[in-house]
Amino acid sequence: VFATVTCLAVMTCLAGALSGIEKRWKLLVLAAIAGAIAIVYSGSR
């Protein structure tokens, strides 16, 4: 469950960075990377 909802948060950040809606795209990319690492630690293949 943790990995699933974190994946949604990661993709929301990535979509936001690429859409241009939020100008702080570097922060969003960094957040997406952080979330992706958390998903790796979840072990949810």
ModelCIF file with pLDDT and N, C-alpha, C, O atoms, coordinates in Angstrom:
data_MODEL
#
_entry.id   MODEL 
#
_entity.id                         1 
_entity.type                       polymer 
_entity.pdbx_number_of_molecules   1 
#
_entity_poly.entity_id                      1 
_entity_poly.type                           'polypeptide(L)' 
_entity_poly.nstd_linkage                   no 
_entity_poly.nstd_monomer                   no 
_entity_poly.pdbx_seq_one_letter_code       VFATVTCLAVMTCLAGALSGIEKRWKLLVLAAIAGAIAIVYSGSR 
_entity_poly.pdbx_seq_one_letter_code_can   VFATVTCLAVMTCLAGALSGIEKRWKLLVLAAIAGAIAIVYSGSR 
_entity_poly.pdbx_strand_id                 A 
#
loop_
_entity_poly_seq.entity_id 
_entity_poly_seq.num 
_entity_poly_seq.mon_id 
_entity_poly_seq.hetero 
1 1  VAL n 
1 2  PHE n 
1 3  ALA n 
1 4  THR n 
1 5  VAL n 
1 6  THR n 
1 7  CYS n 
1 8  LEU n 
1 9  ALA n 
1 10 VAL n 
1 11 MET n 
1 12 THR n 
1 13 CYS n 
1 14 LEU n 
1 15 ALA n 
1 16 GLY n 
1 17 ALA n 
1 18 LEU n 
1 19 SER n 
1 20 GLY n 
1 21 ILE n 
1 22 GLU n 
1 23 LYS n 
1 24 ARG n 
1 25 TRP n 
1 26 LYS n 
1 27 LEU n 
1 28 LEU n 
1 29 VAL n 
1 30 LEU n 
1 31 ALA n 
1 32 ALA n 
1 33 ILE n 
1 34 ALA n 
1 35 GLY n 
1 36 ALA n 
1 37 ILE n 
1 38 ALA n 
1 39 ILE n 
1 40 VAL n 
1 41 TYR n 
1 42 SER n 
1 43 GLY n 
1 44 SER n 
1 45 ARG n 
#
_struct_asym.id          A 
_struct_asym.entity_id   1 
#
loop_
_ma_qa_metric.id 
_ma_qa_metric.mode 
_ma_qa_metric.name 
_ma_qa_metric.software_group_id 
_ma_qa_metric.type 
1 global pLDDT . pLDDT 
2 local  pLDDT . pLDDT 
#
_ma_qa_metric_global.metric_id      1 
_ma_qa_metric_global.metric_value   92.89 
_ma_qa_metric_global.model_id       1 
_ma_qa_metric_global.ordinal_id     1 
#
loop_
_ma_qa_metric_local.label_asym_id 
_ma_qa_metric_local.label_comp_id 
_ma_qa_metric_local.label_seq_id 
_ma_qa_metric_local.metric_id 
_ma_qa_metric_local.metric_value 
_ma_qa_metric_local.model_id 
_ma_qa_metric_local.ordinal_id 
A VAL 1  2 95.00 1 1  
A PHE 2  2 96.00 1 2  
A ALA 3  2 96.00 1 3  
A THR 4  2 96.00 1 4  
A VAL 5  2 97.00 1 5  
A THR 6  2 97.00 1 6  
A CYS 7  2 96.00 1 7  
A LEU 8  2 97.00 1 8  
A ALA 9  2 97.00 1 9  
A VAL 10 2 97.00 1 10 
A MET 11 2 96.00 1 11 
A THR 12 2 96.00 1 12 
A CYS 13 2 95.00 1 13 
A LEU 14 2 94.00 1 14 
A ALA 15 2 94.00 1 15 
A GLY 16 2 94.00 1 16 
A ALA 17 2 91.00 1 17 
A LEU 18 2 90.00 1 18 
A SER 19 2 88.00 1 19 
A GLY 20 2 84.00 1 20 
A ILE 21 2 89.00 1 21 
A GLU 22 2 85.00 1 22 
A LYS 23 2 85.00 1 23 
A ARG 24 2 87.00 1 24 
A TRP 25 2 87.00 1 25 
A LYS 26 2 88.00 1 26 
A LEU 27 2 93.00 1 27 
A LEU 28 2 94.00 1 28 
A VAL 29 2 91.00 1 29 
A LEU 30 2 93.00 1 30 
A ALA 31 2 95.00 1 31 
A ALA 32 2 94.00 1 32 
A ILE 33 2 94.00 1 33 
A ALA 34 2 95.00 1 34 
A GLY 35 2 95.00 1 35 
A ALA 36 2 94.00 1 36 
A ILE 37 2 95.00 1 37 
A ALA 38 2 95.00 1 38 
A ILE 39 2 95.00 1 39 
A VAL 40 2 94.00 1 40 
A TYR 41 2 94.00 1 41 
A SER 42 2 93.00 1 42 
A GLY 43 2 90.00 1 43 
A SER 44 2 90.00 1 44 
A ARG 45 2 89.00 1 45 
#
loop_
_atom_site.group_PDB 
_atom_site.id 
_atom_site.type_symbol 
_atom_site.label_atom_id 
_atom_site.label_alt_id 
_atom_site.label_comp_id 
_atom_site.label_asym_id 
_atom_site.label_entity_id 
_atom_site.label_seq_id 
_atom_site.pdbx_PDB_ins_code 
_atom_site.Cartn_x 
_atom_site.Cartn_y 
_atom_site.Cartn_z 
_atom_site.occupancy 
_atom_site.B_iso_or_equiv 
_atom_site.pdbx_formal_charge 
_atom_site.auth_seq_id 
_atom_site.auth_comp_id 
_atom_site.auth_asym_id 
_atom_site.auth_atom_id 
_atom_site.pdbx_PDB_model_num 
ATOM 1   N N  . VAL A 1 1  ? 0.838  -1.202 0.000   1.00 95.00 ? 1  VAL A N  1 
ATOM 2   C CA . VAL A 1 1  ? 0.000  0.000  0.000   1.00 95.00 ? 1  VAL A CA 1 
ATOM 3   C C  . VAL A 1 1  ? 0.870  1.249  0.000   1.00 95.00 ? 1  VAL A C  1 
ATOM 4   O O  . VAL A 1 1  ? 0.598  2.198  -0.735  1.00 95.00 ? 1  VAL A O  1 
ATOM 5   N N  . PHE A 1 2  ? 1.914  1.251  0.820   1.00 96.00 ? 2  PHE A N  1 
ATOM 6   C CA . PHE A 1 2  ? 2.835  2.388  0.883   1.00 96.00 ? 2  PHE A CA 1 
ATOM 7   C C  . PHE A 1 2  ? 3.459  2.657  -0.481  1.00 96.00 ? 2  PHE A C  1 
ATOM 8   O O  . PHE A 1 2  ? 3.511  3.803  -0.929  1.00 96.00 ? 2  PHE A O  1 
ATOM 9   N N  . ALA A 1 3  ? 3.928  1.613  -1.136  1.00 96.00 ? 3  ALA A N  1 
ATOM 10  C CA . ALA A 1 3  ? 4.552  1.783  -2.448  1.00 96.00 ? 3  ALA A CA 1 
ATOM 11  C C  . ALA A 1 3  ? 3.553  2.302  -3.478  1.00 96.00 ? 3  ALA A C  1 
ATOM 12  O O  . ALA A 1 3  ? 3.901  3.134  -4.315  1.00 96.00 ? 3  ALA A O  1 
ATOM 13  N N  . THR A 1 4  ? 2.324  1.817  -3.421  1.00 96.00 ? 4  THR A N  1 
ATOM 14  C CA . THR A 1 4  ? 1.310  2.229  -4.394  1.00 96.00 ? 4  THR A CA 1 
ATOM 15  C C  . THR A 1 4  ? 1.005  3.720  -4.288  1.00 96.00 ? 4  THR A C  1 
ATOM 16  O O  . THR A 1 4  ? 1.015  4.436  -5.289  1.00 96.00 ? 4  THR A O  1 
ATOM 17  N N  . VAL A 1 5  ? 0.735  4.181  -3.070  1.00 97.00 ? 5  VAL A N  1 
ATOM 18  C CA . VAL A 1 5  ? 0.368  5.592  -2.916  1.00 97.00 ? 5  VAL A CA 1 
ATOM 19  C C  . VAL A 1 5  ? 1.580  6.504  -3.102  1.00 97.00 ? 5  VAL A C  1 
ATOM 20  O O  . VAL A 1 5  ? 1.437  7.644  -3.546  1.00 97.00 ? 5  VAL A O  1 
ATOM 21  N N  . THR A 1 6  ? 2.763  6.012  -2.768  1.00 97.00 ? 6  THR A N  1 
ATOM 22  C CA . THR A 1 6  ? 3.968  6.810  -3.012  1.00 97.00 ? 6  THR A CA 1 
ATOM 23  C C  . THR A 1 6  ? 4.237  6.937  -4.504  1.00 97.00 ? 6  THR A C  1 
ATOM 24  O O  . THR A 1 6  ? 4.692  7.980  -4.973  1.00 97.00 ? 6  THR A O  1 
ATOM 25  N N  . CYS A 1 7  ? 3.957  5.882  -5.240  1.00 96.00 ? 7  CYS A N  1 
ATOM 26  C CA . CYS A 1 7  ? 4.096  5.939  -6.695  1.00 96.00 ? 7  CYS A CA 1 
ATOM 27  C C  . CYS A 1 7  ? 3.199  7.027  -7.283  1.00 96.00 ? 7  CYS A C  1 
ATOM 28  O O  . CYS A 1 7  ? 3.612  7.755  -8.185  1.00 96.00 ? 7  CYS A O  1 
ATOM 29  N N  . LEU A 1 8  ? 1.988  7.134  -6.778  1.00 97.00 ? 8  LEU A N  1 
ATOM 30  C CA . LEU A 1 8  ? 1.074  8.179  -7.248  1.00 97.00 ? 8  LEU A CA 1 
ATOM 31  C C  . LEU A 1 8  ? 1.641  9.563  -6.938  1.00 97.00 ? 8  LEU A C  1 
ATOM 32  O O  . LEU A 1 8  ? 1.554  10.468 -7.768  1.00 97.00 ? 8  LEU A O  1 
ATOM 33  N N  . ALA A 1 9  ? 2.223  9.731  -5.748  1.00 97.00 ? 9  ALA A N  1 
ATOM 34  C CA . ALA A 1 9  ? 2.818  11.020 -5.391  1.00 97.00 ? 9  ALA A CA 1 
ATOM 35  C C  . ALA A 1 9  ? 4.006  11.339 -6.294  1.00 97.00 ? 9  ALA A C  1 
ATOM 36  O O  . ALA A 1 9  ? 4.171  12.478 -6.732  1.00 97.00 ? 9  ALA A O  1 
ATOM 37  N N  . VAL A 1 10 ? 4.827  10.335 -6.570  1.00 97.00 ? 10 VAL A N  1 
ATOM 38  C CA . VAL A 1 10 ? 5.986  10.523 -7.451  1.00 97.00 ? 10 VAL A CA 1 
ATOM 39  C C  . VAL A 1 10 ? 5.542  10.975 -8.842  1.00 97.00 ? 10 VAL A C  1 
ATOM 40  O O  . VAL A 1 10 ? 6.096  11.924 -9.396  1.00 97.00 ? 10 VAL A O  1 
ATOM 41  N N  . MET A 1 11 ? 4.552  10.300 -9.398  1.00 96.00 ? 11 MET A N  1 
ATOM 42  C CA . MET A 1 11 ? 4.093  10.633 -10.737 1.00 96.00 ? 11 MET A CA 1 
ATOM 43  C C  . MET A 1 11 ? 3.380  11.993 -10.784 1.00 96.00 ? 11 MET A C  1 
ATOM 44  O O  . MET A 1 11 ? 3.429  12.689 -11.798 1.00 96.00 ? 11 MET A O  1 
ATOM 45  N N  . THR A 1 12 ? 2.726  12.360 -9.690  1.00 96.00 ? 12 THR A N  1 
ATOM 46  C CA . THR A 1 12 ? 2.120  13.692 -9.632  1.00 96.00 ? 12 THR A CA 1 
ATOM 47  C C  . THR A 1 12 ? 3.200  14.759 -9.673  1.00 96.00 ? 12 THR A C  1 
ATOM 48  O O  . THR A 1 12 ? 3.044  15.771 -10.358 1.00 96.00 ? 12 THR A O  1 
ATOM 49  N N  . CYS A 1 13 ? 4.299  14.546 -8.945  1.00 95.00 ? 13 CYS A N  1 
ATOM 50  C CA . CYS A 1 13 ? 5.421  15.489 -8.992  1.00 95.00 ? 13 CYS A CA 1 
ATOM 51  C C  . CYS A 1 13 ? 6.024  15.559 -10.391 1.00 95.00 ? 13 CYS A C  1 
ATOM 52  O O  . CYS A 1 13 ? 6.300  16.643 -10.905 1.00 95.00 ? 13 CYS A O  1 
ATOM 53  N N  . LEU A 1 14 ? 6.223  14.397 -11.000 1.00 94.00 ? 14 LEU A N  1 
ATOM 54  C CA . LEU A 1 14 ? 6.812  14.367 -12.344 1.00 94.00 ? 14 LEU A CA 1 
ATOM 55  C C  . LEU A 1 14 ? 5.900  15.050 -13.352 1.00 94.00 ? 14 LEU A C  1 
ATOM 56  O O  . LEU A 1 14 ? 6.365  15.829 -14.183 1.00 94.00 ? 14 LEU A O  1 
ATOM 57  N N  . ALA A 1 15 ? 4.606  14.763 -13.283 1.00 94.00 ? 15 ALA A N  1 
ATOM 58  C CA . ALA A 1 15 ? 3.647  15.400 -14.186 1.00 94.00 ? 15 ALA A CA 1 
ATOM 59  C C  . ALA A 1 15 ? 3.610  16.902 -13.955 1.00 94.00 ? 15 ALA A C  1 
ATOM 60  O O  . ALA A 1 15 ? 3.513  17.675 -14.908 1.00 94.00 ? 15 ALA A O  1 
ATOM 61  N N  . GLY A 1 16 ? 3.687  17.323 -12.688 1.00 94.00 ? 16 GLY A N  1 
ATOM 62  C CA . GLY A 1 16 ? 3.692  18.746 -12.385 1.00 94.00 ? 16 GLY A CA 1 
ATOM 63  C C  . GLY A 1 16 ? 4.931  19.442 -12.920 1.00 94.00 ? 16 GLY A C  1 
ATOM 64  O O  . GLY A 1 16 ? 4.851  20.564 -13.419 1.00 94.00 ? 16 GLY A O  1 
ATOM 65  N N  . ALA A 1 17 ? 6.076  18.779 -12.817 1.00 91.00 ? 17 ALA A N  1 
ATOM 66  C CA . ALA A 1 17 ? 7.317  19.375 -13.316 1.00 91.00 ? 17 ALA A CA 1 
ATOM 67  C C  . ALA A 1 17 ? 7.295  19.539 -14.831 1.00 91.00 ? 17 ALA A C  1 
ATOM 68  O O  . ALA A 1 17 ? 7.799  20.530 -15.359 1.00 91.00 ? 17 ALA A O  1 
ATOM 69  N N  . LEU A 1 18 ? 6.711  18.570 -15.528 1.00 90.00 ? 18 LEU A N  1 
ATOM 70  C CA . LEU A 1 18 ? 6.696  18.608 -16.987 1.00 90.00 ? 18 LEU A CA 1 
ATOM 71  C C  . LEU A 1 18 ? 5.559  19.453 -17.547 1.00 90.00 ? 18 LEU A C  1 
ATOM 72  O O  . LEU A 1 18 ? 5.634  19.914 -18.686 1.00 90.00 ? 18 LEU A O  1 
ATOM 73  N N  . SER A 1 19 ? 4.510  19.660 -16.759 1.00 88.00 ? 19 SER A N  1 
ATOM 74  C CA . SER A 1 19 ? 3.355  20.410 -17.259 1.00 88.00 ? 19 SER A CA 1 
ATOM 75  C C  . SER A 1 19 ? 3.592  21.909 -17.298 1.00 88.00 ? 19 SER A C  1 
ATOM 76  O O  . SER A 1 19 ? 2.948  22.618 -18.070 1.00 88.00 ? 19 SER A O  1 
ATOM 77  N N  . GLY A 1 20 ? 4.517  22.403 -16.466 1.00 84.00 ? 20 GLY A N  1 
ATOM 78  C CA . GLY A 1 20 ? 4.745  23.835 -16.391 1.00 84.00 ? 20 GLY A CA 1 
ATOM 79  C C  . GLY A 1 20 ? 3.809  24.560 -15.439 1.00 84.00 ? 20 GLY A C  1 
ATOM 80  O O  . GLY A 1 20 ? 3.888  25.781 -15.306 1.00 84.00 ? 20 GLY A O  1 
ATOM 81  N N  . ILE A 1 21 ? 2.923  23.822 -14.774 1.00 89.00 ? 21 ILE A N  1 
ATOM 82  C CA . ILE A 1 21 ? 1.984  24.455 -13.839 1.00 89.00 ? 21 ILE A CA 1 
ATOM 83  C C  . ILE A 1 21 ? 2.737  25.036 -12.649 1.00 89.00 ? 21 ILE A C  1 
ATOM 84  O O  . ILE A 1 21 ? 2.460  26.153 -12.212 1.00 89.00 ? 21 ILE A O  1 
ATOM 85  N N  . GLU A 1 22 ? 3.680  24.277 -12.135 1.00 85.00 ? 22 GLU A N  1 
ATOM 86  C CA . GLU A 1 22 ? 4.502  24.736 -11.021 1.00 85.00 ? 22 GLU A CA 1 
ATOM 87  C C  . GLU A 1 22 ? 5.913  25.022 -11.537 1.00 85.00 ? 22 GLU A C  1 
ATOM 88  O O  . GLU A 1 22 ? 6.549  24.148 -12.127 1.00 85.00 ? 22 GLU A O  1 
ATOM 89  N N  . LYS A 1 23 ? 6.400  26.246 -11.315 1.00 85.00 ? 23 LYS A N  1 
ATOM 90  C CA . LYS A 1 23 ? 7.673  26.670 -11.892 1.00 85.00 ? 23 LYS A CA 1 
ATOM 91  C C  . LYS A 1 23 ? 8.886  26.058 -11.208 1.00 85.00 ? 23 LYS A C  1 
ATOM 92  O O  . LYS A 1 23 ? 9.959  25.976 -11.804 1.00 85.00 ? 23 LYS A O  1 
ATOM 93  N N  . ARG A 1 24 ? 8.724  25.628 -9.964  1.00 87.00 ? 24 ARG A N  1 
ATOM 94  C CA . ARG A 1 24 ? 9.878  25.075 -9.230  1.00 87.00 ? 24 ARG A CA 1 
ATOM 95  C C  . ARG A 1 24 ? 10.086 23.613 -9.620  1.00 87.00 ? 24 ARG A C  1 
ATOM 96  O O  . ARG A 1 24 ? 9.955  22.715 -8.790  1.00 87.00 ? 24 ARG A O  1 
ATOM 97  N N  . TRP A 1 25 ? 10.408 23.390 -10.880 1.00 87.00 ? 25 TRP A N  1 
ATOM 98  C CA . TRP A 1 25 ? 10.469 22.036 -11.399 1.00 87.00 ? 25 TRP A CA 1 
ATOM 99  C C  . TRP A 1 25 ? 11.623 21.229 -10.797 1.00 87.00 ? 25 TRP A C  1 
ATOM 100 O O  . TRP A 1 25 ? 11.526 20.009 -10.665 1.00 87.00 ? 25 TRP A O  1 
ATOM 101 N N  . LYS A 1 26 ? 12.714 21.912 -10.432 1.00 88.00 ? 26 LYS A N  1 
ATOM 102 C CA . LYS A 1 26 ? 13.845 21.193 -9.848  1.00 88.00 ? 26 LYS A CA 1 
ATOM 103 C C  . LYS A 1 26 ? 13.460 20.567 -8.507  1.00 88.00 ? 26 LYS A C  1 
ATOM 104 O O  . LYS A 1 26 ? 13.853 19.441 -8.199  1.00 88.00 ? 26 LYS A O  1 
ATOM 105 N N  . LEU A 1 27 ? 12.689 21.312 -7.719  1.00 93.00 ? 27 LEU A N  1 
ATOM 106 C CA . LEU A 1 27 ? 12.209 20.775 -6.447  1.00 93.00 ? 27 LEU A CA 1 
ATOM 107 C C  . LEU A 1 27 ? 11.314 19.560 -6.681  1.00 93.00 ? 27 LEU A C  1 
ATOM 108 O O  . LEU A 1 27 ? 11.393 18.577 -5.945  1.00 93.00 ? 27 LEU A O  1 
ATOM 109 N N  . LEU A 1 28 ? 10.463 19.629 -7.707  1.00 94.00 ? 28 LEU A N  1 
ATOM 110 C CA . LEU A 1 28 ? 9.555  18.519 -7.996  1.00 94.00 ? 28 LEU A CA 1 
ATOM 111 C C  . LEU A 1 28 ? 10.318 17.285 -8.461  1.00 94.00 ? 28 LEU A C  1 
ATOM 112 O O  . LEU A 1 28 ? 9.979  16.164 -8.082  1.00 94.00 ? 28 LEU A O  1 
ATOM 113 N N  . VAL A 1 29 ? 11.330 17.485 -9.268  1.00 91.00 ? 29 VAL A N  1 
ATOM 114 C CA . VAL A 1 29 ? 12.146 16.348 -9.723  1.00 91.00 ? 29 VAL A CA 1 
ATOM 115 C C  . VAL A 1 29 ? 12.869 15.711 -8.547  1.00 91.00 ? 29 VAL A C  1 
ATOM 116 O O  . VAL A 1 29 ? 12.946 14.487 -8.440  1.00 91.00 ? 29 VAL A O  1 
ATOM 117 N N  . LEU A 1 30 ? 13.403 16.558 -7.658  1.00 93.00 ? 30 LEU A N  1 
ATOM 118 C CA . LEU A 1 30 ? 14.086 16.042 -6.475  1.00 93.00 ? 30 LEU A CA 1 
ATOM 119 C C  . LEU A 1 30 ? 13.114 15.250 -5.604  1.00 93.00 ? 30 LEU A C  1 
ATOM 120 O O  . LEU A 1 30 ? 13.465 14.195 -5.077  1.00 93.00 ? 30 LEU A O  1 
ATOM 121 N N  . ALA A 1 31 ? 11.893 15.760 -5.456  1.00 95.00 ? 31 ALA A N  1 
ATOM 122 C CA . ALA A 1 31 ? 10.874 15.046 -4.673  1.00 95.00 ? 31 ALA A CA 1 
ATOM 123 C C  . ALA A 1 31 ? 10.533 13.711 -5.317  1.00 95.00 ? 31 ALA A C  1 
ATOM 124 O O  . ALA A 1 31 ? 10.384 12.706 -4.622  1.00 95.00 ? 31 ALA A O  1 
ATOM 125 N N  . ALA A 1 32 ? 10.408 13.694 -6.648  1.00 94.00 ? 32 ALA A N  1 
ATOM 126 C CA . ALA A 1 32 ? 10.098 12.444 -7.350  1.00 94.00 ? 32 ALA A CA 1 
ATOM 127 C C  . ALA A 1 32 ? 11.201 11.412 -7.130  1.00 94.00 ? 32 ALA A C  1 
ATOM 128 O O  . ALA A 1 32 ? 10.915 10.228 -6.956  1.00 94.00 ? 32 ALA A O  1 
ATOM 129 N N  . ILE A 1 33 ? 12.449 11.851 -7.137  1.00 94.00 ? 33 ILE A N  1 
ATOM 130 C CA . ILE A 1 33 ? 13.568 10.941 -6.881  1.00 94.00 ? 33 ILE A CA 1 
ATOM 131 C C  . ILE A 1 33 ? 13.491 10.405 -5.451  1.00 94.00 ? 33 ILE A C  1 
ATOM 132 O O  . ILE A 1 33 ? 13.703 9.215  -5.214  1.00 94.00 ? 33 ILE A O  1 
ATOM 133 N N  . ALA A 1 34 ? 13.187 11.289 -4.507  1.00 95.00 ? 34 ALA A N  1 
ATOM 134 C CA . ALA A 1 34 ? 13.059 10.870 -3.107  1.00 95.00 ? 34 ALA A CA 1 
ATOM 135 C C  . ALA A 1 34 ? 11.968 9.814  -2.964  1.00 95.00 ? 34 ALA A C  1 
ATOM 136 O O  . ALA A 1 34 ? 12.161 8.797  -2.297  1.00 95.00 ? 34 ALA A O  1 
ATOM 137 N N  . GLY A 1 35 ? 10.827 10.060 -3.592  1.00 95.00 ? 35 GLY A N  1 
ATOM 138 C CA . GLY A 1 35 ? 9.737  9.097  -3.524  1.00 95.00 ? 35 GLY A CA 1 
ATOM 139 C C  . GLY A 1 35 ? 10.100 7.767  -4.171  1.00 95.00 ? 35 GLY A C  1 
ATOM 140 O O  . GLY A 1 35 ? 9.730  6.704  -3.672  1.00 95.00 ? 35 GLY A O  1 
ATOM 141 N N  . ALA A 1 36 ? 10.829 7.831  -5.293  1.00 94.00 ? 36 ALA A N  1 
ATOM 142 C CA . ALA A 1 36 ? 11.238 6.594  -5.970  1.00 94.00 ? 36 ALA A CA 1 
ATOM 143 C C  . ALA A 1 36 ? 12.163 5.765  -5.093  1.00 94.00 ? 36 ALA A C  1 
ATOM 144 O O  . ALA A 1 36 ? 12.073 4.537  -5.085  1.00 94.00 ? 36 ALA A O  1 
ATOM 145 N N  . ILE A 1 37 ? 13.047 6.419  -4.357  1.00 95.00 ? 37 ILE A N  1 
ATOM 146 C CA . ILE A 1 37 ? 13.934 5.692  -3.446  1.00 95.00 ? 37 ILE A CA 1 
ATOM 147 C C  . ILE A 1 37 ? 13.110 5.028  -2.342  1.00 95.00 ? 37 ILE A C  1 
ATOM 148 O O  . ILE A 1 37 ? 13.378 3.891  -1.956  1.00 95.00 ? 37 ILE A O  1 
ATOM 149 N N  . ALA A 1 38 ? 12.108 5.749  -1.840  1.00 95.00 ? 38 ALA A N  1 
ATOM 150 C CA . ALA A 1 38 ? 11.230 5.169  -0.812  1.00 95.00 ? 38 ALA A CA 1 
ATOM 151 C C  . ALA A 1 38 ? 10.530 3.922  -1.342  1.00 95.00 ? 38 ALA A C  1 
ATOM 152 O O  . ALA A 1 38 ? 10.363 2.943  -0.615  1.00 95.00 ? 38 ALA A O  1 
ATOM 153 N N  . ILE A 1 39 ? 10.124 3.958  -2.600  1.00 95.00 ? 39 ILE A N  1 
ATOM 154 C CA . ILE A 1 39 ? 9.471  2.785  -3.205  1.00 95.00 ? 39 ILE A CA 1 
ATOM 155 C C  . ILE A 1 39 ? 10.436 1.609  -3.280  1.00 95.00 ? 39 ILE A C  1 
ATOM 156 O O  . ILE A 1 39 ? 10.040 0.467  -3.048  1.00 95.00 ? 39 ILE A O  1 
ATOM 157 N N  . VAL A 1 40 ? 11.697 1.878  -3.602  1.00 94.00 ? 40 VAL A N  1 
ATOM 158 C CA . VAL A 1 40 ? 12.692 0.807  -3.630  1.00 94.00 ? 40 VAL A CA 1 
ATOM 159 C C  . VAL A 1 40 ? 12.807 0.168  -2.245  1.00 94.00 ? 40 VAL A C  1 
ATOM 160 O O  . VAL A 1 40 ? 12.866 -1.056 -2.122  1.00 94.00 ? 40 VAL A O  1 
ATOM 161 N N  . TYR A 1 41 ? 12.837 1.003  -1.209  1.00 94.00 ? 41 TYR A N  1 
ATOM 162 C CA . TYR A 1 41 ? 12.954 0.479  0.155   1.00 94.00 ? 41 TYR A CA 1 
ATOM 163 C C  . TYR A 1 41 ? 11.714 -0.313 0.575   1.00 94.00 ? 41 TYR A C  1 
ATOM 164 O O  . TYR A 1 41 ? 11.788 -1.123 1.499   1.00 94.00 ? 41 TYR A O  1 
ATOM 165 N N  . SER A 1 42 ? 10.593 -0.093 -0.081  1.00 93.00 ? 42 SER A N  1 
ATOM 166 C CA . SER A 1 42 ? 9.390  -0.849 0.266   1.00 93.00 ? 42 SER A CA 1 
ATOM 167 C C  . SER A 1 42 ? 9.492  -2.315 -0.164  1.00 93.00 ? 42 SER A C  1 
ATOM 168 O O  . SER A 1 42 ? 8.827  -3.183 0.403   1.00 93.00 ? 42 SER A O  1 
ATOM 169 N N  . GLY A 1 43 ? 10.325 -2.580 -1.163  1.00 90.00 ? 43 GLY A N  1 
ATOM 170 C CA . GLY A 1 43 ? 10.480 -3.944 -1.654  1.00 90.00 ? 43 GLY A CA 1 
ATOM 171 C C  . GLY A 1 43 ? 9.288  -4.463 -2.429  1.00 90.00 ? 43 GLY A C  1 
ATOM 172 O O  . GLY A 1 43 ? 9.156  -5.671 -2.620  1.00 90.00 ? 43 GLY A O  1 
ATOM 173 N N  . SER A 1 44 ? 8.410  -3.568 -2.881  1.00 90.00 ? 44 SER A N  1 
ATOM 174 C CA . SER A 1 44 ? 7.201  -3.975 -3.612  1.00 90.00 ? 44 SER A CA 1 
ATOM 175 C C  . SER A 1 44 ? 7.510  -4.101 -5.095  1.00 90.00 ? 44 SER A C  1 
ATOM 176 O O  . SER A 1 44 ? 7.535  -3.110 -5.824  1.00 90.00 ? 44 SER A O  1 
ATOM 177 N N  . ARG A 1 45 ? 7.742  -5.320 -5.524  1.00 89.00 ? 45 ARG A N  1 
ATOM 178 C CA . ARG A 1 45 ? 8.287  -5.540 -6.866  1.00 89.00 ? 45 ARG A CA 1 
ATOM 179 C C  . ARG A 1 45 ? 7.334  -5.111 -7.976  1.00 89.00 ? 45 ARG A C  1 
ATOM 180 O O  . ARG A 1 45 ? 7.662  -5.239 -9.156  1.00 89.00 ? 45 ARG A O  1 
#
